[in-house]
């Protein structure tokens, strides 16, 4: 069997390759402003302007401080930010979006120098941004795993797993930012585990899970008020609450011990997780009702898709229930497997609502969910190839496949294009195999 080779974000640098210089400061500040208005900047508080000023001084002026004590860490942080912002904040008519791969490559080449320094906030920011870069542009699972594992160790060294009010010392603003980076790593960790089945890096039993506060509540935190206007705090909180549910889904259904549950325990876990997911959904605000901006529309799409994706992930595990498989039709209306397939259809239909021209970057958030949903429909067709609804499901798979290709824009990084083409090829194979299974069953009947 031919192994799947994911596109790599970077390739080995040859002797004649040029090294990148730090970007001009004016371009850097433009990217900061643009990034904080982007969907990624709205969702994730990756940049704290006050803390980032120290990073800029360290990288450009070699002016080190308690917040940015390492020259290499600051430089890697700048390159990692430029890589991420060039992808997320770039417009279809701006040529600098093609530099996302180059900036990421430069940041990764400088990682050994950064790791020779002490654990710093800049290093944590750089690793978190590079992890997102790997996920967004290349889908390189090994690189994501390595970046994320290192970032989580940085988080624990910097005490991000503890709410800052419980930590003594100065620089509360920097500690608050470390805490937000902890939550970003936490959400990435839980989503990555659910997508891949690999065990998470962050053990919740060693974490203070106090949620970020919407508003400052005492004098010490009033100085942080400007930070809350740099991103959509409600989106971030909603994402964190979703990650807490995803953590429960993984530990309850996909961990090593969970896969050894009795039928009764498995069904009880499915029911409790179903309730937890519905409780989360009922708490999700309608972001597009607050504004017509694409970022708010995309937030609604993303949370709706994640709901259906988690629903499918929860109920699909009922196929392990031996008593149900032996004695009941697990595909009957209302059954757990039927709910999983219905949720997968909803993921694919929701994706079709996106506008490739104005929301092209939506695809980078959805490729694993689209692939998994297509697998569920494909498996459902194989289980019962003569079912009347199969033609509708085949049509849905075909239309989704066509819609994916429309999300590639002219300046898309080559690694992202390669990732999309790989998924297209995979989903195309599923479609053709499902089509042949239906035709074969009809001939034989």
Foldseek 3Di string as FASTA:
>chain_A
DDDDDFFDLDDDDDPPDDADDQDDPVVLVVLLQLQLPFLCVQQAVLDDPVLLVQLCCCQPVVDADPQRNDNLLSRLLRLLSLLQSLCGRPALPDQSVQCNSVSLHNSVVSVVVVVVDDLHLSNLSSLLSSLVSCLQQIVPLVSNVVSLLVSQVSLVVLVLLEQLVVDDDDDSVSSVSSVSSNLSSLLVQLVSCLLPLDDGNDDNVSGDLDDDDQDDDDDVCPVVVVSNVSHNVLSNRLSSLLSVLSNLLCVCCRDPVNLPDALVSLVVSLVVSLVSLVVSVVPRDQQCVVDVDPSSVLSVLLSLLSSLLSLLSSLVSNVSHVVCVVPHDQCDPPHSLVSNLVSLLVNLVSVVPDDLNRPLSSVSSCLSSNLVSLVSLLVVCLVPVQDPCNVVVLVSLVVSLVVLVSSDRDSRHPSNVSNSVSSSVVSVVSSVVSVVSNVVVVVVD
